[in-house]
Amino acid sequence: MSGGRRSRCSRAAFSLAILLCFGAAALAARPAPEAVRAAANGTCQTRVVPFGYECEEHTVTTSDGYILSLQRIPSGLGAVGPSSAGKIPVLLQHGLMMDGVTWLMNSPDESLGYILADNGYDVWIANSRGTVYSRGHISLSASDPAYWDWSWDELASNDLWAVVQYVYGLAGHQKMHYVGHSLGTLIAFAALSDQQQLGMLRSAGLLSPIAYLDRVSSPLARAAADVFLAEALYWLGLNEFDPTGKAVHSLVADICEQPGINCYNLMSSFTGDNCCLDNSSVKVFLDHEPQASATKNMVHLAQMIRRGMIAKYDYGNAADNTKHYGQATPPAYDISAIPDDYPLFLSYGGRDRLSDVQDVQHLLTQALQSHDGDKLTVQYLDDYAHADFVMAGNARERVYAPLMAFFKLQEK
């Protein structure tokens, strides 16, 4: 591959890597993952125990050998009696290039993880493969290219499956609620459309839902997708996308010099103009995020932008697709196959450039158009953007209270 072509691929891959997250704002501030791991003893010790909550660290091994970190907050402050006995579990799944700290970035009064625990739920926090505490594998090192041979297909079919089974078992076979943000919603859509875990999940709360991506409204994301997709078949070499690496710093500078791109506020440039973030949550964000992902995952997301559909990873030619899927083209995920009586809560924002209003409307009017009206709750917040749903100081009142009210309806 020529140097020019490699450079264009690398620049576009970077932009797409941050397409569904807001990690770029932290590039210059966050230390390398190894430093974070050495300085901290895990999410429980850094973000939960200091606030007086009980917290447990767990690990789960997937069918393809990845060892995932999982945190449990079995009770809220002032709880009396057995911590988790009889409580309904809630599983929280973060988005792209984030980790479980997503749900713990604000104070206990403002962060969903603590709020759920204080309201009597048995809280479980997932951490996808490749993130700082989920880099183990039964036979591979994270330095091996094979370790990074996955996309969100595997996050839905392998990671989510393993975590749900584990939580279900330890929670006394209690069916759980699921909450996902951004890519965490796409994982749920994929799994539920294949009717996985339906027997163990009682509902799904989907914040900034990601399904269709062809209307993404960030000018930067749109331009990057066009470049990346034109070069996708020529991609070479970068297996792990590490947003803390030196190459990414250079790529940020290059992208921000392009005409029409305003990088004065990187977070707003990618996520939309978030209304309600405060300095304390942004500081926690800078201390912990962004996290690594697989370049293959970035390619998969790019394919979705170009094609306007939700399908498995495209290997680029009929022979390789046939080898993996038994057919020349990747199978599509049929979100309309989610049972019409399965309880769904969707919350989306008018300023969100990633979970774009038009894409969410496509989801609602096409894939979910036949869903039972009393099993589908849709919330629209005109001033919210992508990060507000997990970082806004007023999300407790505006998003989490309605979400918990939805949960209570499903528990009757």
Foldseek 3Di string as FASTA:
>chain_A
DDPVLQVLQVLLLLLLLCQQHQFVLQQVQEDFLVVVVVVDDDPCGPFNVVLPFDKDWDWWAWPQFWIWIKMKGQAAPPDDDDRNPPAAEEEEEEARQAFQCLQRLDPLVFGLQRVCRHVGHTYMYTGDDQFSRGQDGPPDHNVDLVSLPDALVCCQPIVVLRVLVVCCVVNVNHAHEYEYAGRGQCSVLQNLLVPPCPSRHQAYEYELHDFFFQQQAQPLNVVSLVSNVVSVVVDDDQFKDASNDPVNVVSVVVSCPDPPQDVPPSSCSNWFDADFFDPSSVVSCSHRTRTMHTSQNSSQVSVSNVPRFAFPRFPPFQVVCCVVPVGRGTGGRQSLSRDLQRAYEYEYEQGTSNSHPVVVVCCCVPRNVSRDPVRYHYHYHHNHIRSCCSGGRCNVPVPVVVVVVSVVVSVD
